[in-house]
Amino acid sequence: MSAREVEFGRLITAMVTPFHRDGAGQAVDYEKAARMARILAANGTQTIVVSGTTGESPNLSVEEKLGLFRTVRDAVAGHAKVIAGTGNYSTHESIELTEAVQHAGVADGVLLVVPYYNNPPQEGLYRHFRTIAESTSLPCMVYNVPSRTVRNMDASTTLRLARDVPNIIGIKEASENLDQVAEILAGAPSDFKLWSGNDGDIFPKMAMGGYGVVSVAAHVVGRLIRQMVDATGAGDVREGARLHLHLLPIRACRACVLHEGTRQAVPGEGNPDAEILLIGEAPGQNEDLQGRPFVGASGQFLTEMLRQNGLRREDVFIANVVKHRPPNNRDPLPDEIEACASFLSHQIDAIDPLVIITLGRFSLARFFPGEKISQIHGQPRTIGGRTVIPLYHPAAALHQGALRKVLEADFAKVPGIVDIARRAAGRIAPPAAPLRPDEPVQQAFTLLHDLAEKQIGEVIESSTDLTGTAAPKPPRQLPLL
């Protein structure tokens, strides 16, 4: 089989690298890397890029990279392929790591990024990539990301490599120049593939003949992206376009005035395969600062109630009916709730929970219009094929002491209600929980905010914050749309 006959699939995910929070001992958390890789493979990813730009390759030693390649390969063997990020600004170092990868047998291919900082001319790029590719028999994917490397690799250079070097199988094209993409697709050999390097560009690039995507948002919405690339690749452009629009980000949302004067959107966080979806009302000041739902006093109370009933925050998904903080923590207005309604619908569709828990009267109104929470709290109903449990908002219980015991008693019913819903759906046990929401996999959630802005590479900064190796920045989370 030739290098270009190796099938890496339409959905490739550039995996973030999990680190230990305290930095003590081994910096890389290999156990969580294995868990994350398995989650990706279970949610539609066909190939995993390890130690790419998103994986913070410049911050990893050669030993750490090889350890990650081996860990991920073992974790997804038989379920997904592995592409090792072996390229950097040094041709010699790139060759050494590529040869080490091939000798160890820890990857199915390698990713070679345009040299950063050096800013070589086009002829330099051609020679750099050709020299590395000729040192190995592994399939090589070149990676053009001018927003990170400064130097754009012209279409003419990509086409030279496509014609001259048989084991350069394709390109991860992260430029925003669709004319350049069209030139590559028009001139490349039929067995040379182009993957989008920006999640926001998947559909337009595939509509012109691109093969798929090297995604980061797939950490969160892998199944939806897989559906989109499969549909578009099969020629169902209408369905591909529908799913593309379905995945529109909310960070760029200007549908109502709530975005004005807020720090960031707070779309939600948690297990993308959660059986339980909790829906609150609106972010508060702490949530606006951190970009995470329920992190203040109400959040602490919610976390404690989950714990008391055998659940963790990473077992569930938590969202709100509106995604930006209302001024001075006022109640959200009807037009603001309506503006966010479609995003909440996307979240529900994507997570597909068995049980939805409404917290407070505004989320109650979405499922129980015209009813009062004082009359129906704690009473589950089947709505749209799902079990919905109306509960008081944790803030109400904190402000009105008499409601605290009521809410705790209602919450104690949740495990039994979930078990009934699980049996009715034919499920034996809940799916495995993903990494903790404050660890690197959750940082991938921030990417959906940035799809429209083409800033997928920012996940580097988000995951670096968790390693303790960089000055802290405000945490940011991703929505599930």
Protein backbone atom coordinates (compact mmCIF):
# COMPACT_ATOMS: atom_id res chain seq x y z
CA MET A 1 0.00 0.00 0.00
CA SER A 2 1.35 3.40 -0.96
CA ALA A 3 1.41 6.27 1.52
CA ARG A 4 -1.47 8.02 -0.25
CA GLU A 5 -3.63 4.91 -0.01
CA VAL A 6 -3.59 5.02 3.80
CA GLU A 7 -7.02 6.21 4.93
CA PHE A 8 -6.91 8.71 7.77
CA GLY A 9 -10.57 9.64 7.46
CA ARG A 10 -12.45 12.87 7.08
CA LEU A 11 -12.45 13.75 10.79
CA ILE A 12 -9.01 14.11 12.31
CA THR A 13 -8.75 15.74 15.73
CA ALA A 14 -5.72 17.71 16.92
CA MET A 15 -5.71 16.63 20.56
CA VAL A 16 -4.81 18.94 23.43
CA THR A 17 -2.14 17.72 25.84
CA PRO A 18 -3.27 17.23 29.45
CA PHE A 19 -0.82 18.30 32.13
CA HIS A 20 -0.65 17.76 35.86
CA ARG A 21 -1.94 20.87 37.58
CA ASP A 22 0.90 21.23 40.10
CA GLY A 23 3.67 20.49 37.63
CA ALA A 24 5.26 18.09 40.11
CA GLY A 25 7.00 15.01 38.75
CA GLN A 26 5.89 14.26 35.21
CA ALA A 27 4.36 17.34 33.62
CA VAL A 28 2.31 15.38 31.08
CA ASP A 29 -0.66 13.46 32.42
CA TYR A 30 -0.46 10.33 30.30
CA GLU A 31 -3.41 8.66 31.99
CA LYS A 32 -5.73 11.50 31.05
CA ALA A 33 -4.23 11.62 27.57
CA ALA A 34 -5.29 8.01 27.09
CA ARG A 35 -8.77 8.74 28.42
CA MET A 36 -9.13 11.75 26.18
CA ALA A 37 -8.03 9.79 23.12
CA ARG A 38 -10.59 7.07 23.83
CA ILE A 39 -13.33 9.68 24.22
CA LEU A 40 -12.38 11.25 20.88
CA ALA A 41 -12.39 7.88 19.10
CA ALA A 42 -15.77 7.00 20.62
CA ASN A 43 -17.24 10.26 19.34
CA GLY A 44 -16.38 10.05 15.67
CA THR A 45 -12.68 10.92 15.40
CA GLN A 46 -10.96 8.68 12.87
CA THR A 47 -7.39 9.87 13.41
CA ILE A 48 -5.79 11.74 16.31
CA VAL A 49 -2.98 14.25 15.83
CA VAL A 50 -0.74 14.13 18.90
CA SER A 51 1.68 16.91 19.80
CA GLY A 52 0.55 19.29 17.11
CA THR A 53 0.19 23.02 17.66
CA THR A 54 -2.93 22.46 19.73
CA GLY A 55 -1.01 19.87 21.74
CA GLU A 56 1.61 22.49 22.66
CA SER A 57 4.45 20.74 20.86
CA PRO A 58 6.96 23.56 21.48
CA ASN A 59 6.55 22.97 25.22
CA LEU A 60 7.17 19.22 25.09
CA SER A 61 10.47 17.39 25.25
CA VAL A 62 11.29 14.63 22.78
CA GLU A 63 10.77 12.07 25.54
CA GLU A 64 7.35 13.51 26.38
CA LYS A 65 6.32 13.50 22.73
CA LEU A 66 7.34 9.88 22.25
CA GLY A 67 5.55 8.98 25.47
CA LEU A 68 2.38 10.66 24.23
CA PHE A 69 2.58 8.98 20.83
CA ARG A 70 2.92 5.59 22.49
CA THR A 71 0.17 6.27 25.03
CA VAL A 72 -2.38 7.41 22.47
CA ARG A 73 -1.51 4.65 20.02
CA ASP A 74 -2.12 2.02 22.71
CA ALA A 75 -5.32 3.72 23.88
CA VAL A 76 -7.04 3.78 20.48
CA ALA A 77 -5.48 0.76 18.79
CA GLY A 78 -8.04 -0.72 16.41
CA HIS A 79 -10.32 2.30 16.74
CA ALA A 80 -8.42 5.29 15.37
CA LYS A 81 -5.11 6.08 13.70
CA VAL A 82 -2.41 8.35 15.13
CA ILE A 83 -0.52 11.14 13.40
CA ALA A 84 2.54 12.34 15.27
CA GLY A 85 3.49 16.00 15.22
CA THR A 86 7.19 15.77 14.40
CA GLY A 87 7.83 18.97 12.48
CA ASN A 88 9.29 22.21 13.79
CA TYR A 89 11.52 25.04 12.54
CA SER A 90 14.58 22.76 12.33
CA THR A 91 14.84 20.36 9.40
CA HIS A 92 17.41 18.24 11.24
CA GLU A 93 15.39 17.98 14.46
CA SER A 94 12.25 17.19 12.48
CA ILE A 95 14.04 14.34 10.71
CA GLU A 96 15.38 12.95 13.99
CA LEU A 97 11.97 12.84 15.63
CA THR A 98 10.30 11.48 12.49
CA GLU A 99 12.84 8.67 12.32
CA ALA A 100 12.36 7.93 16.03
CA VAL A 101 8.59 7.70 15.50
CA GLN A 102 8.99 5.32 12.59
CA HIS A 103 11.53 3.18 14.44
CA ALA A 104 9.28 2.92 17.51
CA GLY A 105 6.18 2.21 15.44
CA VAL A 106 4.08 4.63 17.48
CA ALA A 107 2.22 6.44 14.68
CA ASP A 108 0.60 5.87 11.31
CA GLY A 109 1.82 9.18 9.87
CA VAL A 110 3.46 12.48 10.75
CA LEU A 111 2.41 16.14 10.70
CA LEU A 112 4.96 18.67 9.46
CA VAL A 113 4.24 22.31 10.21
CA VAL A 114 5.55 25.28 8.22
CA PRO A 115 8.72 26.39 10.07
CA TYR A 116 7.83 29.12 12.51
CA TYR A 117 10.02 32.10 13.37
CA ASN A 118 12.59 31.33 10.63
CA ASN A 119 10.27 32.75 7.96
CA PRO A 120 11.90 30.87 5.05
CA PRO A 121 11.17 31.64 1.38
CA GLN A 122 9.00 29.33 -0.69
CA GLU A 123 12.01 27.41 -2.00
CA GLY A 124 13.14 26.91 1.59
CA LEU A 125 9.74 25.51 2.51
CA TYR A 126 9.83 23.13 -0.42
CA ARG A 127 13.27 21.80 0.46
CA HIS A 128 12.45 21.57 4.18
CA PHE A 129 9.37 19.42 3.64
CA ARG A 130 10.85 17.33 0.86
CA THR A 131 13.97 16.54 2.88
CA ILE A 132 11.96 15.40 5.90
CA ALA A 133 9.52 13.35 3.82
CA GLU A 134 12.34 11.59 1.99
CA SER A 135 13.81 10.50 5.34
CA THR A 136 10.79 8.30 6.09
CA SER A 137 8.32 5.96 4.49
CA LEU A 138 5.54 7.21 6.73
CA PRO A 139 2.71 9.26 5.21
CA CYS A 140 3.41 12.96 5.76
CA MET A 141 0.80 15.71 6.10
CA VAL A 142 2.11 19.26 5.71
CA TYR A 143 0.50 21.99 7.79
CA ASN A 144 0.07 25.57 6.64
CA VAL A 145 -0.99 27.89 9.47
CA PRO A 146 0.20 31.42 8.65
CA SER A 147 -1.55 32.93 11.69
CA ARG A 148 0.94 31.00 13.83
CA THR A 149 4.04 30.76 11.68
CA VAL A 150 3.92 34.17 9.91
CA ARG A 151 4.94 32.54 6.62
CA ASN A 152 2.16 31.38 4.29
CA MET A 153 2.97 28.44 2.06
CA ASP A 154 1.80 29.43 -1.40
CA ALA A 155 -0.40 27.15 -3.44
CA SER A 156 2.41 26.73 -5.97
CA THR A 157 4.71 25.31 -3.27
CA THR A 158 2.03 22.94 -2.02
CA LEU A 159 1.42 21.73 -5.57
CA ARG A 160 5.14 21.13 -6.16
CA LEU A 161 5.26 18.95 -3.06
CA ALA A 162 2.06 17.16 -4.07
CA ARG A 163 3.53 16.29 -7.47
CA ASP A 164 7.13 15.59 -6.47
CA VAL A 165 6.95 13.76 -3.13
CA PRO A 166 4.76 10.62 -3.12
CA ASN A 167 4.54 10.22 0.65
CA ILE A 168 3.35 13.79 1.21
CA ILE A 169 -0.27 12.72 1.19
CA GLY A 170 -2.03 16.00 1.80
CA ILE A 171 -2.17 19.31 3.60
CA LYS A 172 -3.82 20.68 6.69
CA GLU A 173 -4.68 24.08 5.22
CA ALA A 174 -5.41 26.66 7.93
CA SER A 175 -5.10 29.78 5.84
CA GLU A 176 -8.26 31.81 5.40
CA ASN A 177 -7.60 32.34 1.70
CA LEU A 178 -10.25 30.36 -0.14
CA ASP A 179 -8.75 31.33 -3.50
CA GLN A 180 -5.54 29.62 -2.41
CA VAL A 181 -7.53 26.56 -1.35
CA ALA A 182 -9.27 26.48 -4.72
CA GLU A 183 -5.94 26.70 -6.54
CA ILE A 184 -4.59 23.73 -4.58
CA LEU A 185 -7.70 21.65 -5.17
CA ALA A 186 -7.74 22.49 -8.87
CA GLY A 187 -4.10 21.62 -9.45
CA ALA A 188 -3.26 18.75 -7.09
CA PRO A 189 -3.13 15.07 -8.09
CA SER A 190 -6.37 13.21 -7.44
CA ASP A 191 -4.86 11.23 -4.54
CA PHE A 192 -3.61 14.33 -2.71
CA LYS A 193 -6.03 15.42 0.03
CA LEU A 194 -6.78 18.76 1.65
CA TRP A 195 -8.08 18.94 5.20
CA SER A 196 -9.33 22.22 6.61
CA GLY A 197 -7.25 23.47 9.52
CA ASN A 198 -10.03 25.76 10.77
CA ASP A 199 -13.29 24.41 12.14
CA GLY A 200 -15.13 27.43 10.78
CA ASP A 201 -13.95 26.70 7.24
CA ILE A 202 -14.87 23.03 7.00
CA PHE A 203 -17.94 23.35 4.82
CA PRO A 204 -16.69 25.90 2.28
CA LYS A 205 -13.40 24.04 1.82
CA MET A 206 -15.13 20.69 1.45
CA ALA A 207 -17.70 22.16 -0.92
CA MET A 208 -14.80 22.97 -3.27
CA GLY A 209 -13.41 19.44 -3.02
CA GLY A 210 -11.57 19.34 0.31
CA TYR A 211 -11.50 15.99 2.03
CA GLY A 212 -12.23 16.80 5.68
CA VAL A 213 -10.90 18.63 8.72
CA VAL A 214 -8.19 18.49 11.32
CA SER A 215 -10.45 19.75 14.05
CA VAL A 216 -10.17 21.01 17.60
CA ALA A 217 -13.87 21.60 18.20
CA ALA A 218 -14.27 17.83 17.77
CA HIS A 219 -13.15 17.52 21.38
CA VAL A 220 -16.69 18.62 22.14
CA VAL A 221 -18.92 18.12 19.11
CA GLY A 222 -17.13 15.30 17.34
CA ARG A 223 -20.24 13.42 16.38
CA LEU A 224 -21.85 16.47 14.79
CA ILE A 225 -18.69 17.39 12.89
CA ARG A 226 -18.36 13.78 11.75
CA GLN A 227 -21.93 13.90 10.45
CA MET A 228 -21.18 17.13 8.62
CA VAL A 229 -17.99 15.94 6.92
CA ASP A 230 -19.52 12.58 6.02
CA ALA A 231 -22.60 14.22 4.51
CA THR A 232 -20.63 16.83 2.59
CA GLY A 233 -18.09 14.26 1.42
CA ALA A 234 -20.90 12.05 0.16
CA GLY A 235 -22.27 14.93 -1.92
CA ASP A 236 -25.19 15.83 0.35
CA VAL A 237 -24.36 19.53 0.33
CA ARG A 238 -27.75 20.53 1.72
CA GLU A 239 -27.28 18.39 4.83
CA GLY A 240 -23.67 19.52 5.16
CA ALA A 241 -24.76 23.14 5.07
CA ARG A 242 -27.50 22.49 7.61
CA LEU A 243 -25.02 20.96 10.05
CA HIS A 244 -22.49 23.71 9.39
CA LEU A 245 -25.08 26.32 10.39
CA HIS A 246 -26.12 24.12 13.31
CA LEU A 247 -22.58 24.49 14.68
CA LEU A 248 -22.44 28.27 14.50
CA PRO A 249 -20.65 29.73 17.51
CA ILE A 250 -22.23 31.88 20.14
CA ARG A 251 -19.20 34.02 20.96
CA ALA A 252 -19.99 36.00 17.81
CA CYS A 253 -23.68 36.19 18.74
CA ARG A 254 -25.15 39.69 18.59
CA ALA A 255 -28.77 38.60 18.61
CA CYS A 256 -29.62 40.63 21.70
CA VAL A 257 -28.11 43.38 23.84
CA LEU A 258 -26.74 41.05 26.52
CA HIS A 259 -23.39 40.72 24.77
CA GLU A 260 -22.75 44.41 25.41
CA GLY A 261 -20.74 45.05 28.54
CA THR A 262 -20.03 41.40 29.33
CA ARG A 263 -16.62 39.78 29.43
CA GLN A 264 -17.51 36.59 27.59
CA ALA A 265 -20.26 34.13 26.78
CA VAL A 266 -20.99 31.35 29.26
CA PRO A 267 -22.38 28.57 27.08
CA GLY A 268 -21.96 25.64 29.46
CA GLU A 269 -19.63 22.83 30.39
CA GLY A 270 -19.56 19.17 31.26
CA ASN A 271 -19.80 15.72 29.76
CA PRO A 272 -20.84 15.90 26.09
CA ASP A 273 -22.43 12.46 26.54
CA ALA A 274 -24.16 13.35 29.81
CA GLU A 275 -27.33 11.57 30.82
CA ILE A 276 -28.30 14.65 32.83
CA LEU A 277 -28.53 18.20 31.49
CA LEU A 278 -29.10 20.93 34.07
CA ILE A 279 -30.45 24.23 32.75
CA GLY A 280 -30.25 27.35 34.88
CA GLU A 281 -31.28 30.90 34.15
CA ALA A 282 -28.35 33.21 33.35
CA PRO A 283 -24.68 33.74 34.19
CA GLY A 284 -23.81 35.98 37.13
CA GLN A 285 -20.74 38.05 37.84
CA ASN A 286 -18.48 35.12 38.73
CA GLU A 287 -19.64 33.18 35.70
CA ASP A 288 -18.97 36.15 33.42
CA LEU A 289 -15.45 36.45 34.82
CA GLN A 290 -14.62 32.77 34.50
CA GLY A 291 -16.67 31.76 31.48
CA ARG A 292 -18.12 28.81 33.38
CA PRO A 293 -21.65 28.22 34.68
CA PHE A 294 -22.49 27.94 38.37
CA VAL A 295 -19.14 28.83 39.92
CA GLY A 296 -20.34 31.16 42.70
CA ALA A 297 -22.20 30.30 45.89
CA SER A 298 -25.08 28.75 43.93
CA GLY A 299 -22.60 26.63 42.03
CA GLN A 300 -20.97 25.39 45.21
CA PHE A 301 -24.38 24.39 46.54
CA LEU A 302 -25.21 22.65 43.24
CA THR A 303 -21.90 20.78 43.28
CA GLU A 304 -22.55 19.67 46.85
CA MET A 305 -26.03 18.37 45.98
CA LEU A 306 -24.59 16.44 43.06
CA ARG A 307 -21.96 14.93 45.37
CA GLN A 308 -24.54 13.98 47.98
CA ASN A 309 -26.38 12.00 45.33
CA GLY A 310 -23.40 10.18 43.88
CA LEU A 311 -22.79 12.55 40.98
CA ARG A 312 -19.97 14.86 39.94
CA ARG A 313 -19.98 17.95 37.78
CA GLU A 314 -18.05 16.01 35.14
CA ASP A 315 -20.90 13.47 35.01
CA VAL A 316 -23.46 16.07 33.90
CA PHE A 317 -23.72 19.02 31.54
CA ILE A 318 -24.65 22.45 32.93
CA ALA A 319 -26.05 25.30 30.84
CA ASN A 320 -28.35 28.33 31.09
CA VAL A 321 -31.27 29.68 29.08
CA VAL A 322 -29.21 32.77 28.20
CA LYS A 323 -25.50 32.75 27.56
CA HIS A 324 -24.44 36.28 28.56
CA ARG A 325 -24.83 37.93 31.95
CA PRO A 326 -27.78 40.34 32.23
CA PRO A 327 -26.77 43.77 33.60
CA ASN A 328 -26.63 43.89 37.39
CA ASN A 329 -27.80 40.27 37.50
CA ARG A 330 -31.35 41.26 36.56
CA ASP A 331 -33.78 38.65 35.25
CA PRO A 332 -33.39 37.81 31.56
CA LEU A 333 -36.03 39.41 29.36
CA PRO A 334 -38.31 37.43 27.03
CA ASP A 335 -36.55 38.63 23.86
CA GLU A 336 -33.16 37.70 25.34
CA ILE A 337 -34.39 34.20 26.19
CA GLU A 338 -35.82 33.86 22.69
CA ALA A 339 -32.53 35.01 21.13
CA CYS A 340 -30.67 32.20 22.92
CA ALA A 341 -33.39 29.57 22.41
CA SER A 342 -31.88 28.09 19.27
CA PHE A 343 -28.47 27.68 20.91
CA LEU A 344 -30.04 25.84 23.83
CA SER A 345 -31.90 23.64 21.36
CA HIS A 346 -28.59 22.83 19.67
CA GLN A 347 -27.11 21.88 23.03
CA ILE A 348 -30.01 19.60 23.86
CA ASP A 349 -29.85 17.93 20.44
CA ALA A 350 -26.09 17.43 20.61
CA ILE A 351 -25.96 16.09 24.18
CA ASP A 352 -29.18 14.09 23.82
CA PRO A 353 -29.67 13.66 27.59
CA LEU A 354 -32.00 11.16 29.19
CA VAL A 355 -33.01 13.66 31.86
CA ILE A 356 -33.26 17.45 31.84
CA ILE A 357 -33.36 19.30 35.15
CA THR A 358 -34.68 22.84 35.05
CA LEU A 359 -33.33 25.14 37.75
CA GLY A 360 -35.59 28.08 38.43
CA ARG A 361 -38.63 29.63 36.80
CA PHE A 362 -37.05 30.78 33.52
CA SER A 363 -35.84 27.36 32.44
CA LEU A 364 -39.09 25.94 33.83
CA ALA A 365 -41.05 28.14 31.42
CA ARG A 366 -39.38 26.56 28.39
CA PHE A 367 -40.79 23.13 29.24
CA PHE A 368 -43.75 23.97 31.48
CA PRO A 369 -45.25 27.19 30.10
CA GLY A 370 -47.81 28.79 32.36
CA GLU A 371 -47.09 26.55 35.34
CA LYS A 372 -45.69 27.54 38.73
CA ILE A 373 -42.61 25.96 40.19
CA SER A 374 -44.13 26.04 43.67
CA GLN A 375 -46.79 23.61 42.44
CA ILE A 376 -44.78 21.16 40.29
CA HIS A 377 -41.25 21.14 41.72
CA GLY A 378 -39.71 17.69 41.98
CA GLN A 379 -42.39 16.09 39.77
CA PRO A 380 -40.86 14.52 36.64
CA ARG A 381 -42.72 14.55 33.36
CA THR A 382 -41.99 13.13 29.93
CA ILE A 383 -41.66 15.93 27.38
CA GLY A 384 -40.46 15.31 23.85
CA GLY A 385 -39.29 11.83 24.71
CA ARG A 386 -37.17 13.01 27.65
CA THR A 387 -37.74 13.11 31.37
CA VAL A 388 -37.83 16.69 32.65
CA ILE A 389 -37.59 17.47 36.36
CA PRO A 390 -38.49 21.02 37.51
CA LEU A 391 -36.47 22.17 40.55
CA TYR A 392 -35.97 25.41 42.41
CA HIS A 393 -32.85 27.37 41.52
CA PRO A 394 -30.00 26.89 44.04
CA ALA A 395 -29.86 30.68 44.52
CA ALA A 396 -33.48 30.71 45.66
CA ALA A 397 -32.71 28.03 48.24
CA LEU A 398 -29.74 30.02 49.51
CA HIS A 399 -31.77 33.20 49.84
CA GLN A 400 -34.84 31.53 51.31
CA GLY A 401 -33.78 29.06 53.96
CA ALA A 402 -37.08 27.17 53.89
CA LEU A 403 -36.49 26.18 50.26
CA ARG A 404 -33.14 24.59 50.93
CA LYS A 405 -34.56 21.40 52.41
CA VAL A 406 -37.20 21.32 49.68
CA LEU A 407 -34.56 21.49 46.95
CA GLU A 408 -32.34 18.94 48.66
CA ALA A 409 -35.27 16.56 49.01
CA ASP A 410 -36.21 17.01 45.34
CA PHE A 411 -32.62 16.53 44.26
CA ALA A 412 -32.43 13.28 46.20
CA LYS A 413 -35.02 11.88 43.79
CA VAL A 414 -32.78 12.45 40.77
CA PRO A 415 -30.74 9.19 40.85
CA GLY A 416 -33.89 7.09 40.99
CA ILE A 417 -35.54 9.04 38.19
CA VAL A 418 -32.42 8.70 36.05
CA ASP A 419 -32.32 4.96 36.71
CA ILE A 420 -35.93 4.60 35.56
CA ALA A 421 -35.19 6.63 32.42
CA ARG A 422 -32.06 4.57 31.79
CA ARG A 423 -33.93 1.29 32.00
CA ALA A 424 -36.68 2.62 29.75
CA ALA A 425 -34.03 3.54 27.18
CA GLY A 426 -32.35 0.13 27.45
CA ARG A 427 -29.14 1.45 28.95
CA ILE A 428 -27.31 -0.63 31.52
CA ALA A 429 -24.89 1.93 32.91
CA PRO A 430 -24.00 5.56 32.31
CA PRO A 431 -21.16 6.37 29.88
CA ALA A 432 -17.70 6.97 31.26
CA ALA A 433 -17.13 10.51 32.49
CA PRO A 434 -14.66 12.70 30.60
CA LEU A 435 -11.89 14.66 32.22
CA ARG A 436 -12.71 17.11 34.97
CA PRO A 437 -14.20 20.36 33.65
CA ASP A 438 -11.23 22.37 34.87
CA GLU A 439 -8.72 20.23 32.99
CA PRO A 440 -7.47 20.55 29.42
CA VAL A 441 -10.25 18.70 27.59
CA GLN A 442 -12.68 21.31 28.89
CA GLN A 443 -10.46 24.07 27.54
CA ALA A 444 -11.32 22.79 24.10
CA PHE A 445 -14.84 24.06 24.73
CA THR A 446 -13.59 27.58 24.14
CA LEU A 447 -13.01 26.76 20.50
CA LEU A 448 -16.63 26.87 19.49
CA HIS A 449 -16.66 30.47 20.56
CA ASP A 450 -14.00 31.26 18.03
CA LEU A 451 -15.05 29.36 14.93
CA ALA A 452 -16.29 32.46 13.16
CA GLU A 453 -13.13 34.34 14.06
CA LYS A 454 -10.82 31.56 12.85
CA GLN A 455 -8.91 31.48 16.13
CA ILE A 456 -8.74 27.77 16.71
CA GLY A 457 -5.08 27.98 17.71
CA GLU A 458 -6.01 29.86 20.89
CA VAL A 459 -6.56 26.54 22.65
CA ILE A 460 -2.80 26.51 23.18
CA GLU A 461 -3.08 29.43 25.55
CA SER A 462 -6.08 27.95 27.30
CA SER A 463 -4.48 24.56 27.95
CA THR A 464 -1.15 26.10 28.87
CA ASP A 465 -2.86 28.02 31.65
CA LEU A 466 -3.67 24.71 33.30
CA THR A 467 -0.09 23.50 33.34
CA GLY A 468 1.18 26.26 35.55
CA THR A 469 3.81 27.05 32.93
CA ALA A 470 2.38 30.36 31.85
CA ALA A 471 0.93 33.43 33.48
CA PRO A 472 -2.74 32.72 34.28
CA LYS A 473 -5.42 34.10 32.04
CA PRO A 474 -9.18 34.11 32.64
CA PRO A 475 -10.47 30.56 32.05
CA ARG A 476 -12.66 30.07 29.04
CA GLN A 477 -15.01 27.22 28.29
CA LEU A 478 -16.68 25.90 25.23
CA PRO A 479 -20.32 25.48 24.36
CA LEU A 480 -21.81 22.36 22.97
CA LEU A 481 -23.92 23.60 20.10
